[in-house]
Every structure is written in C-alpha cells, then in structure tokens.
Protein backbone atom coordinates (compact mmCIF):
# COMPACT_ATOMS: atom_id res chain seq x y z
CA UNK A 1 125.51 174.93 72.29
CA UNK A 2 128.68 176.80 71.34
CA UNK A 3 127.71 179.17 68.48
CA UNK A 4 130.94 181.01 67.89
CA UNK A 5 134.51 181.46 69.15
CA UNK A 6 136.49 184.63 68.63
CA UNK A 7 140.25 184.54 69.28
CA UNK A 8 142.71 187.47 69.30
CA UNK A 9 146.49 187.19 69.77
CA UNK A 10 146.65 183.78 71.41
CA UNK A 11 150.01 182.10 70.78
CA UNK A 12 150.11 181.60 66.95
CA UNK A 13 146.63 182.98 66.32
CA UNK A 14 146.43 186.69 65.50
CA UNK A 15 142.76 186.87 64.62
CA UNK A 16 140.32 184.05 64.23
CA UNK A 17 136.51 183.94 64.22
CA UNK A 18 134.78 180.58 64.01
CA UNK A 19 131.15 179.57 63.81
CA UNK A 20 129.79 176.23 64.89
CA UNK A 21 126.66 174.24 64.17
CA UNK A 22 124.93 171.55 66.12
CA UNK A 23 125.87 167.91 65.57
CA UNK A 24 129.43 166.56 65.11
CA UNK A 25 132.18 169.05 64.10
CA UNK A 26 135.61 167.53 63.47
CA UNK A 27 138.89 169.39 63.57
CA UNK A 28 141.84 167.87 61.69
CA UNK A 29 145.34 168.98 60.77
CA UNK A 30 148.85 167.89 60.99
CA UNK A 31 150.61 167.57 64.32
CA UNK A 32 151.80 170.97 65.55
CA UNK A 33 149.30 172.88 63.38
CA UNK A 34 147.70 174.46 66.39
CA UNK A 35 144.67 172.33 67.29
CA UNK A 36 145.71 172.44 70.91
CA UNK A 37 145.75 176.20 70.70
CA UNK A 38 142.09 176.20 69.79
CA UNK A 39 141.21 174.00 72.76
CA UNK A 40 143.35 176.12 75.05
CA UNK A 41 141.59 179.23 73.82
CA UNK A 42 138.18 177.70 74.44
CA UNK A 43 139.39 176.58 77.88
CA UNK A 44 140.55 180.10 78.63
CA UNK A 45 136.98 181.38 77.96
CA UNK A 46 135.66 178.59 80.21
CA UNK A 47 137.79 179.69 83.17
CA UNK A 48 140.93 177.57 82.75
CA UNK A 49 144.14 178.84 84.32
CA UNK A 50 145.66 181.74 82.44
CA UNK A 51 149.32 182.19 81.58
CA UNK A 52 151.33 185.07 80.14
CA UNK A 53 152.77 182.57 77.58
CA UNK A 54 149.33 182.50 75.81
CA UNK A 55 149.83 186.11 74.62
CA UNK A 56 151.03 186.21 71.00
CA UNK A 57 154.54 187.67 70.64
CA UNK A 58 154.36 191.41 70.08
CA UNK A 59 150.81 191.79 71.39
CA UNK A 60 149.85 193.51 74.65
CA UNK A 61 147.08 191.04 75.55
CA UNK A 62 145.27 187.94 74.36
CA UNK A 63 141.46 187.74 74.34
CA UNK A 64 138.88 184.98 73.72
CA UNK A 65 135.09 185.30 73.49
CA UNK A 66 132.80 182.30 73.30
CA UNK A 67 129.10 182.74 72.39
CA UNK A 68 126.68 180.09 73.67
CA UNK A 69 123.01 179.63 72.82
CA UNK A 70 121.70 177.39 75.65
CA UNK A 71 118.12 176.02 75.64
CA UNK A 72 115.42 177.80 77.67
CA UNK A 73 115.69 177.12 81.36
CA UNK A 74 119.30 175.89 81.23
CA UNK A 75 121.05 175.84 84.62
CA UNK A 76 123.73 178.30 83.33
CA UNK A 77 121.03 180.93 82.86
CA UNK A 78 119.80 180.44 86.41
CA UNK A 79 123.38 180.77 87.66
CA UNK A 80 123.76 184.05 85.85
CA UNK A 81 120.47 185.34 87.26
CA UNK A 82 121.58 184.30 90.74
CA UNK A 83 124.53 186.69 90.43
CA UNK A 84 122.42 189.52 89.01
CA UNK A 85 123.62 189.06 85.41
CA UNK A 86 121.19 189.21 82.58
CA UNK A 87 120.98 185.87 80.87
CA UNK A 88 117.66 185.65 79.14
CA UNK A 89 119.12 184.71 75.77
CA UNK A 90 122.66 184.01 74.63
CA UNK A 91 125.62 183.81 76.94
CA UNK A 92 128.94 185.38 76.11
CA UNK A 93 131.96 184.33 78.16
CA UNK A 94 135.05 186.54 77.59
CA UNK A 95 138.60 186.38 78.96
CA UNK A 96 141.56 188.61 78.49
CA UNK A 97 145.18 187.95 79.51
CA UNK A 98 147.75 190.73 79.60
CA UNK A 99 151.47 190.29 78.95
CA UNK A 100 152.17 190.31 82.68
CA UNK A 101 149.88 187.32 83.15
CA UNK A 102 146.98 189.13 84.72
CA UNK A 103 143.57 188.15 83.46
CA UNK A 104 140.03 189.56 83.48
CA UNK A 105 136.81 187.58 83.04
CA UNK A 106 133.39 188.70 81.81
CA UNK A 107 130.00 187.08 81.49
CA UNK A 108 127.58 188.92 79.23
CA UNK A 109 129.95 191.95 79.54
CA UNK A 110 129.71 191.93 83.35
CA UNK A 111 133.02 191.44 85.27
CA UNK A 112 133.06 188.14 87.06
CA UNK A 113 135.64 186.14 89.05
CA UNK A 114 137.46 183.22 87.55
CA UNK A 115 135.67 180.83 89.89
CA UNK A 116 132.25 181.96 88.70
CA UNK A 117 133.50 181.71 85.06
CA UNK A 118 134.49 178.16 85.68
CA UNK A 119 131.13 177.27 87.18
CA UNK A 120 129.27 178.76 84.18
CA UNK A 121 131.64 177.09 81.74
CA UNK A 122 131.28 173.67 83.39
CA UNK A 123 127.52 173.90 82.84
CA UNK A 124 128.06 174.66 79.11
CA UNK A 125 130.97 172.58 77.96
CA UNK A 126 132.39 169.19 79.04
CA UNK A 127 135.91 168.36 77.89
CA UNK A 128 137.15 164.76 77.44
CA UNK A 129 140.83 164.78 76.65
CA UNK A 130 143.72 162.36 77.18
CA UNK A 131 145.61 164.72 79.39
CA UNK A 132 142.73 166.45 81.20
CA UNK A 133 139.74 164.30 81.94
CA UNK A 134 136.72 166.17 83.18
CA UNK A 135 133.00 165.62 83.52
CA UNK A 136 132.21 161.93 83.72
CA UNK A 137 135.43 161.15 85.56
CA UNK A 138 134.27 163.20 88.56
CA UNK A 139 132.56 161.01 91.12
CA UNK A 140 130.55 163.95 92.41
CA UNK A 141 128.30 163.75 89.37
CA UNK A 142 127.87 160.04 89.17
CA UNK A 143 124.72 159.87 91.35
CA UNK A 144 122.87 162.45 89.25
CA UNK A 145 123.90 160.71 86.07
CA UNK A 146 122.62 157.34 87.24
CA UNK A 147 119.40 158.92 88.43
CA UNK A 148 118.85 160.70 85.13
CA UNK A 149 119.54 157.45 83.26
CA UNK A 150 116.94 155.12 84.72
CA UNK A 151 115.63 156.19 88.16
CA UNK A 152 111.97 157.40 88.25
CA UNK A 153 111.79 161.14 88.95
CA UNK A 154 108.91 160.55 91.40
CA UNK A 155 111.21 158.54 93.70
CA UNK A 156 113.89 161.24 93.63
CA UNK A 157 111.27 163.93 94.39
CA UNK A 158 109.80 161.91 97.20
CA UNK A 159 113.29 161.51 98.80
CA UNK A 160 114.10 165.18 98.40
CA UNK A 161 110.82 166.22 100.00
CA UNK A 162 111.21 163.77 102.89
CA UNK A 163 114.71 165.03 103.51
CA UNK A 164 113.58 168.63 103.62
CA UNK A 165 110.78 167.79 106.06
CA UNK A 166 113.21 165.87 108.28
CA UNK A 167 115.69 168.70 108.30
CA UNK A 168 112.92 171.24 109.15
CA UNK A 169 111.76 169.00 112.03
CA UNK A 170 115.31 168.68 113.34
CA UNK A 171 115.82 172.41 113.09
CA UNK A 172 112.61 173.06 115.04
CA UNK A 173 113.67 170.63 117.75
CA UNK A 174 117.15 172.14 117.95
CA UNK A 175 115.81 175.69 118.22
CA UNK A 176 113.34 174.59 120.96
CA UNK A 177 116.09 172.83 122.88
CA UNK A 178 118.33 175.89 122.66
CA UNK A 179 115.53 178.19 123.79
CA UNK A 180 114.82 176.07 126.86
CA UNK A 181 118.53 175.75 127.67
CA UNK A 182 118.86 179.55 127.50
CA UNK A 183 115.77 180.02 129.63
CA UNK A 184 117.08 177.61 132.24
CA UNK A 185 120.44 179.44 132.42
CA UNK A 186 118.56 182.75 132.90
CA UNK A 187 115.68 181.42 135.09
CA UNK A 188 116.48 183.50 138.18
CA UNK A 189 116.95 186.66 136.17
CA UNK A 190 113.80 185.97 134.11
CA UNK A 191 111.72 185.62 137.28
CA UNK A 192 113.10 188.84 138.70
CA UNK A 193 112.63 190.79 135.40
CA UNK A 194 109.07 189.52 134.74
CA UNK A 195 108.15 190.34 138.38
CA UNK A 196 109.62 193.82 138.06
CA UNK A 197 107.95 194.50 134.78
CA UNK A 198 104.72 192.92 136.05
CA UNK A 199 104.57 195.49 138.83
CA UNK A 200 105.43 198.27 136.38
CA UNK A 201 102.85 197.00 133.90
CA UNK A 202 103.83 199.13 130.90
CA UNK A 203 101.02 199.80 128.49
CA UNK A 204 101.18 200.37 124.72
CA UNK A 205 101.47 204.09 123.89
CA UNK A 206 101.80 205.03 127.55
CA UNK A 207 104.94 207.06 127.18
CA UNK A 208 103.37 209.44 124.68
CA UNK A 209 100.24 209.82 126.82
CA UNK A 210 102.26 210.57 129.95
CA UNK A 211 104.45 213.09 128.14
CA UNK A 212 101.28 214.94 126.96
CA UNK A 213 99.79 214.88 130.42
CA UNK A 214 103.03 216.02 132.00
CA UNK A 215 103.20 218.99 129.60
CA UNK A 216 99.56 219.89 130.40
CA UNK A 217 100.10 219.76 134.19
CA UNK A 218 103.31 221.84 133.90
CA UNK A 219 101.43 224.49 131.97
CA UNK A 220 98.66 224.52 134.56
CA UNK A 221 101.22 224.89 137.36
CA UNK A 222 102.81 227.86 135.63
CA UNK A 223 99.35 229.42 135.11
CA UNK A 224 98.47 228.98 138.80
CA UNK A 225 101.70 230.53 139.94
CA UNK A 226 101.06 233.67 137.69
CA UNK A 227 97.51 234.05 139.14
CA UNK A 228 98.79 233.65 142.70
CA UNK A 229 101.49 236.27 142.07
CA UNK A 230 98.94 238.72 140.74
CA UNK A 231 96.62 238.20 143.66
CA UNK A 232 99.47 238.64 146.14
CA UNK A 233 100.19 242.03 144.61
CA UNK A 234 96.66 243.13 145.41
CA UNK A 235 96.84 242.02 149.09
CA UNK A 236 98.90 243.59 151.91
CA UNK A 237 102.41 242.43 152.18
CA UNK A 238 102.27 243.18 155.97
CA UNK A 239 99.85 244.64 158.59
CA UNK A 240 101.20 248.13 158.36
CA UNK A 241 100.43 248.51 154.74
CA UNK A 242 96.94 248.41 153.43
CA UNK A 243 95.57 246.87 150.29
CA UNK A 244 95.23 248.99 147.11
CA UNK A 245 91.43 249.01 147.60
CA UNK A 246 91.76 250.44 151.14
CA UNK A 247 94.10 253.13 149.84
CA UNK A 248 91.59 254.14 147.15
CA UNK A 249 88.79 254.29 149.77
CA UNK A 250 90.95 256.35 152.14
CA UNK A 251 91.76 258.84 149.37
CA UNK A 252 88.05 259.15 148.48
CA UNK A 253 87.13 259.92 152.12
CA UNK A 254 89.88 262.62 152.40
CA UNK A 255 88.53 264.38 149.33
CA UNK A 256 84.98 264.15 150.49
CA UNK A 257 85.77 266.45 153.48
CA UNK A 258 85.81 269.45 151.19
CA UNK A 259 82.01 269.42 151.48
CA UNK A 260 81.29 271.95 148.67
CA UNK A 261 77.97 273.85 148.57
CA UNK A 262 77.56 272.82 144.99
CA UNK A 263 79.14 269.75 143.49
CA UNK A 264 80.01 271.65 140.41
CA UNK A 265 82.13 274.01 142.53
CA UNK A 266 84.12 271.16 143.96
CA UNK A 267 87.59 271.01 142.19
CA UNK A 268 88.17 267.40 143.51
CA UNK A 269 85.08 265.98 141.93
CA UNK A 270 86.91 264.54 138.83
CA UNK A 271 89.49 262.97 141.03
CA UNK A 272 86.89 261.47 143.29
CA UNK A 273 85.06 260.00 140.21
CA UNK A 274 88.31 258.44 138.94
CA UNK A 275 89.01 256.96 142.39
CA UNK A 276 85.53 255.45 142.46
CA UNK A 277 86.06 253.90 139.04
CA UNK A 278 89.45 252.57 140.03
CA UNK A 279 87.95 251.04 143.18
CA UNK A 280 85.32 249.30 141.12
CA UNK A 281 87.87 248.01 138.54
CA UNK A 282 90.09 246.75 141.30
CA UNK A 283 87.18 244.93 142.87
CA UNK A 284 86.34 243.39 139.52
CA UNK A 285 90.02 242.29 138.97
CA UNK A 286 90.08 240.67 142.38
CA UNK A 287 86.89 238.83 141.62
CA UNK A 288 88.20 237.59 138.27
CA UNK A 289 91.52 236.53 139.75
CA UNK A 290 89.69 234.60 142.52
CA UNK A 291 87.60 232.82 139.93
CA UNK A 292 90.77 231.87 137.89
CA UNK A 293 92.51 230.64 141.00
CA UNK A 294 89.48 228.43 141.79
CA UNK A 295 89.39 226.98 138.27
CA UNK A 296 93.13 226.45 137.82
CA UNK A 297 94.04 222.68 137.50
CA UNK A 298 97.39 222.75 139.24
CA UNK A 299 97.64 219.77 141.52
CA UNK A 300 101.38 219.27 142.26
CA UNK A 301 100.66 215.68 143.29
CA UNK A 302 99.27 214.83 139.86
CA UNK A 303 102.36 216.24 138.12
CA UNK A 304 104.64 214.49 140.53
CA UNK A 305 102.86 211.15 139.91
CA UNK A 306 103.01 211.60 136.10
CA UNK A 307 106.70 212.42 136.14
CA UNK A 308 107.49 209.56 138.45
CA UNK A 309 105.64 207.08 136.17
CA UNK A 310 107.35 208.43 133.08
CA UNK A 311 110.79 208.31 134.60
CA UNK A 312 110.16 204.74 135.83
CA UNK A 313 109.22 203.56 132.37
CA UNK A 314 112.30 205.19 130.80
CA UNK A 315 114.58 203.71 133.48
CA UNK A 316 113.14 200.26 132.83
CA UNK A 317 113.64 200.71 129.07
CA UNK A 318 117.29 201.66 129.59
CA UNK A 319 117.81 198.71 131.89
CA UNK A 320 116.46 196.24 129.31
CA UNK A 321 118.02 198.06 126.39
CA UNK A 322 114.76 198.60 124.51
CA UNK A 323 112.58 201.56 123.64
CA UNK A 324 109.86 202.51 126.08
CA UNK A 325 107.32 201.68 123.31
CA UNK A 326 108.74 198.14 123.20
CA UNK A 327 108.48 197.51 126.90
CA UNK A 328 105.03 195.78 126.74
CA UNK A 329 106.19 193.39 123.99
CA UNK A 330 109.53 192.79 125.82
CA UNK A 331 107.67 191.94 129.01
CA UNK A 332 105.48 189.53 127.05
CA UNK A 333 108.54 187.87 125.58
CA UNK A 334 110.10 187.37 128.98
CA UNK A 335 106.89 185.88 130.25
CA UNK A 336 106.79 183.44 127.32
CA UNK A 337 110.40 182.46 127.94
CA UNK A 338 109.57 181.77 131.58
CA UNK A 339 106.43 179.85 130.65
CA UNK A 340 108.54 177.77 128.23
CA UNK A 341 110.30 176.33 131.25
CA UNK A 342 107.09 174.88 132.43
CA UNK A 343 105.78 173.64 129.09
CA UNK A 344 109.13 173.06 127.45
CA UNK A 345 109.47 169.42 128.33
CA UNK A 346 106.18 168.52 126.71
CA UNK A 347 107.08 170.53 123.62
CA UNK A 348 110.49 168.89 123.32
CA UNK A 349 108.86 165.48 123.51
CA UNK A 350 106.39 166.41 120.75
CA UNK A 351 109.10 167.75 118.50
CA UNK A 352 111.33 164.75 119.17
CA UNK A 353 108.56 162.44 118.01
CA UNK A 354 107.99 164.60 114.91
CA UNK A 355 111.69 164.52 114.02
CA UNK A 356 111.88 160.83 114.60
CA UNK A 357 108.86 160.19 112.37
CA UNK A 358 110.28 162.47 109.63
CA UNK A 359 113.55 160.63 109.77
CA UNK A 360 111.87 157.29 109.49
CA UNK A 361 109.90 158.54 106.46
CA UNK A 362 113.12 159.75 104.82
CA UNK A 363 114.91 156.42 105.57
CA UNK A 364 112.01 154.55 103.95
CA UNK A 365 112.14 156.77 100.91
CA UNK A 366 115.92 156.24 100.69
CA UNK A 367 115.35 152.50 100.76
CA UNK A 368 113.03 152.65 97.78
CA UNK A 369 115.48 154.99 95.97
CA UNK A 370 118.41 152.70 96.65
CA UNK A 371 116.47 149.72 95.26
CA UNK A 372 115.64 151.69 92.13
CA UNK A 373 119.31 152.82 91.78
CA UNK A 374 120.54 149.19 92.17
CA UNK A 375 118.29 148.15 89.31
CA UNK A 376 119.36 151.20 87.21
CA UNK A 377 123.03 150.37 87.95
CA UNK A 378 122.68 146.81 86.60
CA UNK A 379 120.91 148.19 83.55
CA UNK A 380 123.65 150.78 82.96
CA UNK A 381 126.40 148.10 83.38
CA UNK A 382 124.73 145.95 80.73
CA UNK A 383 124.29 148.88 78.37
CA UNK A 384 127.96 149.91 78.72
CA UNK A 385 129.14 146.30 78.34
CA UNK A 386 127.50 146.27 74.85
CA UNK A 387 129.45 149.43 73.83
CA UNK A 388 132.89 148.40 75.10
CA UNK A 389 133.97 145.58 72.63
CA UNK A 390 133.62 147.65 69.48
CA UNK A 391 135.81 150.28 71.12
CA UNK A 392 138.62 147.78 71.69
CA UNK A 393 137.75 147.52 75.37
CA UNK A 394 136.40 143.97 75.25
CA UNK A 395 138.47 143.00 78.26
CA UNK A 396 137.22 145.93 80.32
CA UNK A 397 134.48 145.65 82.90
CA UNK A 398 132.40 148.62 83.92
CA UNK A 399 130.87 148.60 87.43
CA UNK A 400 128.41 150.91 89.15
CA UNK A 401 129.14 150.88 92.92
CA UNK A 402 126.44 152.03 95.33
CA UNK A 403 127.61 152.63 98.89
CA UNK A 404 125.61 153.59 101.94
CA UNK A 405 126.81 156.87 103.42
CA UNK A 406 126.99 157.68 107.09
CA UNK A 407 124.05 159.73 108.35
CA UNK A 408 126.23 162.87 108.27
CA UNK A 409 126.48 162.47 104.51
CA UNK A 410 122.70 162.06 103.86
CA UNK A 411 121.26 164.77 101.67
CA UNK A 412 118.34 165.53 99.42
CA UNK A 413 119.63 162.96 96.88
CA UNK A 414 119.34 160.17 99.47
CA UNK A 415 121.75 158.07 101.50
CA UNK A 416 123.75 156.58 98.64
CA UNK A 417 127.13 157.32 97.14
CA UNK A 418 127.35 156.24 93.54
CA UNK A 419 130.73 155.65 91.84
CA UNK A 420 131.51 154.51 88.32
CA UNK A 421 134.44 151.99 88.41
CA UNK A 422 136.42 150.22 85.68
CA UNK A 423 138.78 147.30 85.41
CA UNK A 424 140.66 146.98 82.09
CA UNK A 425 142.10 143.52 82.56
CA UNK A 426 140.63 140.20 83.75
CA UNK A 427 141.14 139.69 87.56
CA UNK A 428 141.76 143.35 88.15
CA UNK A 429 139.81 144.96 90.96
CA UNK A 430 137.62 147.71 89.61
CA UNK A 431 138.79 151.22 90.62
CA UNK A 432 138.05 154.88 89.80
CA UNK A 433 137.90 155.71 86.12
CA UNK A 434 140.71 158.29 86.08
CA UNK A 435 143.14 156.02 88.03
CA UNK A 436 142.64 152.65 86.29
CA UNK A 437 142.37 153.40 82.57
CA UNK A 438 145.06 154.81 80.36
CA UNK A 439 144.51 158.03 78.44
CA UNK A 440 143.21 156.33 75.28
CA UNK A 441 141.16 153.77 77.23
CA UNK A 442 139.64 156.45 79.40
CA UNK A 443 138.65 158.53 76.37
CA UNK A 444 136.97 155.60 74.71
CA UNK A 445 135.24 154.65 77.98
CA UNK A 446 133.95 158.19 78.28
CA UNK A 447 132.65 157.86 74.77
CA UNK A 448 130.78 154.69 75.65
CA UNK A 449 129.36 156.38 78.73
CA UNK A 450 128.31 159.33 76.70
CA UNK A 451 126.56 157.14 74.13
CA UNK A 452 124.45 155.60 76.91
CA UNK A 453 124.05 158.59 79.13
CA UNK A 454 123.70 161.30 76.43
CA UNK A 455 120.10 162.05 77.37
CA UNK A 456 120.80 162.50 81.09
CA UNK A 457 123.27 165.41 80.98
CA UNK A 458 122.36 169.09 80.77
CA UNK A 459 125.74 170.03 79.28
CA UNK A 460 124.92 171.00 75.65
CA UNK A 461 128.51 170.82 74.21
CA UNK A 462 131.06 168.03 74.38
CA UNK A 463 134.67 168.37 73.40
CA UNK A 464 136.70 165.21 72.61
CA UNK A 465 140.45 165.61 72.22
CA UNK A 466 141.88 162.74 70.22
CA UNK A 467 139.44 160.15 71.64
CA UNK A 468 140.64 157.92 68.79
CA UNK A 469 144.34 158.03 69.67
CA UNK A 470 146.16 154.74 69.14
CA UNK A 471 143.34 152.91 67.31
CA UNK A 472 142.44 152.38 63.66
CA UNK A 473 140.44 150.24 61.33
CA UNK A 474 137.14 148.82 62.69
CA UNK A 475 137.76 150.31 66.13
CA UNK A 476 138.13 153.84 64.70
CA UNK A 477 135.02 153.24 62.66
CA UNK A 478 133.17 152.24 65.81
CA UNK A 479 134.39 155.33 67.60
CA UNK A 480 133.17 157.54 64.70
CA UNK A 481 129.76 155.76 64.62
CA UNK A 482 129.30 156.37 68.36
CA UNK A 483 130.37 159.99 68.23
CA UNK A 484 127.78 160.53 65.49
CA UNK A 485 125.12 158.97 67.77
CA UNK A 486 126.13 161.19 70.69
CA UNK A 487 125.97 164.20 68.32
CA UNK A 488 122.25 163.46 67.70
CA UNK A 489 121.51 164.72 71.18
CA UNK A 490 124.28 167.25 71.95
CA UNK A 491 126.80 169.33 70.02
CA UNK A 492 130.16 167.54 69.76
CA UNK A 493 133.56 169.06 68.87
CA UNK A 494 136.23 166.51 68.09
CA UNK A 495 139.97 166.81 67.47
CA UNK A 496 140.97 163.72 65.53
CA UNK A 497 143.71 162.17 63.48
CA UNK A 498 141.51 159.30 62.30
CA UNK A 499 140.04 159.46 58.84
CA UNK A 500 137.34 156.96 59.77
CA UNK A 501 136.23 159.30 62.54
CA UNK A 502 136.66 162.55 60.51
CA UNK A 503 134.44 161.15 57.80
CA UNK A 504 131.53 161.02 60.25
CA UNK A 505 131.56 164.78 60.87
CA UNK A 506 128.59 166.93 59.87
CA UNK A 507 131.04 169.86 59.72
CA UNK A 508 134.84 169.79 59.07
CA UNK A 509 137.46 172.34 60.10
CA UNK A 510 141.08 172.06 59.05
CA UNK A 511 143.71 173.61 61.23
CA UNK A 512 146.95 174.56 59.49
CA UNK A 513 150.09 176.54 60.24
CA UNK A 514 151.64 178.89 57.73
CA UNK A 515 154.74 181.02 57.81
CA UNK A 516 154.76 184.53 56.46
CA UNK A 517 156.88 187.58 57.17
CA UNK A 518 159.13 185.41 59.32
CA UNK A 519 156.28 184.55 61.73
CA UNK A 520 154.29 181.31 62.06
CA UNK A 521 150.53 181.67 62.19
CA UNK A 522 147.69 179.19 62.80
CA UNK A 523 144.60 179.43 60.57
CA UNK A 524 141.38 177.45 60.37
CA UNK A 525 139.29 176.90 57.29
CA UNK A 526 135.98 175.07 56.87
CA UNK A 527 136.10 172.17 54.37
CA UNK A 528 133.39 171.12 51.93
CA UNK A 529 133.05 168.74 49.07
CA UNK A 530 136.30 168.12 47.21
CA UNK A 531 138.45 169.93 49.78
CA UNK A 532 137.10 167.74 52.55
CA UNK A 533 137.65 164.66 50.44
CA UNK A 534 141.29 165.69 49.88
CA UNK A 535 141.87 166.23 53.59
CA UNK A 536 140.52 162.78 54.54
CA UNK A 537 142.61 161.25 51.70
CA UNK A 538 145.63 163.04 53.20
CA UNK A 539 144.84 161.50 56.57
CA UNK A 540 144.69 158.09 54.86
CA UNK A 541 147.74 158.34 52.71
CA UNK A 542 150.07 160.76 54.45
CA UNK A 543 152.11 163.34 52.67
CA UNK A 544 151.53 162.01 49.13
CA UNK A 545 147.82 161.69 48.36
CA UNK A 546 147.08 158.92 45.82
CA UNK A 547 143.96 158.14 43.81
CA UNK A 548 143.54 155.07 45.93
CA UNK A 549 143.43 157.26 49.00
CA UNK A 550 140.88 159.51 47.35
CA UNK A 551 138.74 156.50 46.49
CA UNK A 552 139.03 155.28 50.06
CA UNK A 553 138.04 158.80 51.23
CA UNK A 554 134.94 158.62 49.00
CA UNK A 555 134.09 155.31 50.52
CA UNK A 556 134.39 156.54 54.07
CA UNK A 557 132.32 159.63 53.29
CA UNK A 558 129.67 157.54 51.56
CA UNK A 559 130.30 159.33 48.22
CA UNK A 560 129.42 157.21 45.17
C-alpha cells in the first residue's frame, strides 16, 4: 500500500508530507483547493508525463517521493529485482522536474527510465478518474481478472504447461527442418569436406605431439651435423693431405731416426712421448665420434614426415576457420550433418507427430478452460448486475464477451480473448467500457467491478477521483458503502464532494488553499472528531454550517 507521499514545490504546494493507512481514506475540500494537485503529484511519482508547469513559481525544481509497502512476493518487487534494483522491503518511487521541463526518475534511489517507473507504478496503484480511466478499462487485463475471479487455477496451469510443451515441440521441429535444409544446400561441400578430413583423420592433441616430435628431430639433426663436421676435420680433405693421425705417426718416425745410445741422452724423447699421447687421444676421439654418429637419431625422412603432417593439419584448420585442436570435433560435426540428410526425413516425421500431439493437447486444455471461463463470465455478469441498480445504473447491462483468437494469438493463457462490455440504455449494443459509458457512469461501473473483483487484483492501492460525481442521496450512500467494502481488501484513496461517501472514510484529509504573503498555497490536514464532523456538515450545508447540518453529519458518521 501507499505509506507516505512527500511533495516539494509542485504548483501551489511548497512542502507537504502525508502519511496513509490501510482502508478507506477520503480527501475533501472546496473546488479549486488543490485536490487535483495531490493526484497529479502522485501520478508524477508513478511515471505520468511531466511538465515544466508543475514546478512552483520561484522554485528550481519540483520533486515527489512515494513510499510503498507491498506484501511479500508482490510483482513490483520481482520487477525491481529483474532490473537489478534492491526491492526486498519498501519501494520508494521518486521523480524530479526541473524548470526547463526535464525530469529524472528513481526507484529505491536507483536512476530508472520513465517507462520502467510507469510499469512499477501500474503494479502498485490503479487510478479510476472521470478524465483518465485506467486499470479495469484496459481490455488487456480482462482475461486475467476473469480467471482470478472464478476460474480454477489448476485449469490455467494445465493450459500454460500444455502451451509451453507445444511451443517447445514446434521449436524442435523448426530447428530440425532448418538443419536439414542447410545440410541439403551444402551437401556437395559436406561430402567433399568430410572426405578430405576423413583422409586427414585429425586426432585429439595431435598438434602438440607433432610439435614436440618435430623439435626433437630438429635437435637430433643439428647434433648429427655437428658430429659429422667434427669427423670431417679428422679425415683428409683430399688425397695429397694426410689425416692428423698419419701426420703424428710420420713425426714420430722422423724423431726415432736419432737412434741414441741411451734414451736419456735423446733430446727428442719428450717430444716423441707427447706425439704418442696425442696419437692415442686422437684415436680415442675418432672412436667416440664414430660411436656418437652411430647412435645419433637424425633421420631426415622422419622430420620431413612430421613437418608435412603438422603443416597439413594447420592448413586444414585455416581452411575450416577453426583451431587445429578443434579439427576432430569439427570433422565429427560435418559427419553428423551429412548423416542427418539420410536420417533427417524420419526425424522430421517423428518431431511432426510430437508437435501435432502437443498441439492437440493444448487445444483440449483450451477447450476446458474456455468452458470454465464461460461459466465464470455468467457468474460475474450476475454479480455485477446486483451491484448496478444501487449505483443508479439500473438500466445498464454488463456483458463478458469471450472470443476465440486466431492461432497466431494463442498464448499461455489459452485461445480466448476476454472483453468487458457495457450498454447503458435498453436496446443499446454493448461496447467497450471506456467508449460507451460517460465519466460518472464509468466511475461507478468501475466501482461495481472493484467490489466484485477486489480479491482478484494484485494492485494494493486504488485511487478514485470523484467517483460520486453527479449523484446524491441513496445513490451516494450506496457508493460509500461499496467503497468501504472494497477498502476491506485493498487501500482506497478517494477524492469526493459527497458527504455520504466522506462519512464512510476510516481516515479523512481536508485539502484547503490559503493566501499569505501574496502567494496562494495548498495545505492538507487530517481531520478527527469534531473537525471531521464540521467538514461533513459543511459539505451538507454549504458555506453556512447549521446545527441541522451538524446533526445530519452525526447521523451519517454514526455518532449518537
């Protein structure tokens, strides 16, 4: 419900803070006092169109903040959560309008667009006014209202589930048909691509393995080249030059010709020993290099094969615009698409049967729902007919029309279009509520609907603007009695000029206009006891309040 309303610098209001209780709150005051300003201010917070003319003269901007305390699980809380706005408890809707006409909107202090503000506001407040009918006059909500009134929830849930299953089956069929159509268009390319990838036969993780093997073979090749180069340095480059070993042996033979009588007297002995050691070391080096050459794993054919395989995989990946690692999965996908051409007809037949069966189930559920709605419609018509005569609408006839929609209009709510129609004179063809009834008739009709449908709406606050216009006496009393009944289920705010209606209020606010410092200002004060009695007496008597008017006010208020 609406808990409070804070208004700053709106037309004639400089500063106003109002608190509201549940039940029926009436707002009274003389014509021109500013009651419409209060409703305009509330409408501004609910997302109504803003205008620069709303800003009080001399102020830079106008602002309105409305605090709501919705019940747990209310749709407005879910809507806030859907847009990432915290809405676990109260909801504060705030709007500012600057002097240049620009406005800003906030929900729980988070900036929001005017469209979202209107959506939230529509879930929290419903306005019924003579100039601006909302809520029940909108045919878009009539189906839900009729269902909530007297249609078993199990039937609605069954229809919703059947619709979802049907749409899922149709979606699966459509996707399968599109897949087959695409495969048929690409059949020649698919066969070529699957054949090409089949020959290539890419394996998971193959690129990484080949890269490692290629690096190993390249390293082996470089090692073999180094060993071969070393060995070549120890072998003759041509026939005229000997090997290093032959040169060492020749040098040793030349020194041995000295043939000393005593080895110790031979000055070449150290050199001969060094040559002998060098010859042995050279022989050992040649042996080791030969062994390394024998053990070196440097097969150029293996390296060439690894590189060719790696480059083939990478070329195929580029051709199909995928990663090399994804080639196996891509090949499998192409094979599946090609296989779908062979098995697709049977699959389409199966999915077609499923979609047809799901549609039949939905149609059957719609039939049961339509029957229940027809019974609920007649019940609602009878209930409204009881409420109309006391509201001076005894010549009116309320009709609930249930039309079958084309299949394109079927949805989770079924195949029906529900419309509330009214005829206000005998012989008149029933038509849409907002087009047939006059302002006062429409307001009273909305009241009758609210009396009957009060339990079916999730909107916690109703605002009636002069629903009692143009009536008095017993009719006004009937209006007041029905407003009090509606207020037993939801919060009702009522702007009224009728003392019979005002006397039914659980809370009473008087709107008055005063002039001070050369400037008019609207103020609002809560009335209790004698003050309230005096206001209702004024409404009865006019400018001069008499004792008879006060006695009549006591009678209306039930005061002894």
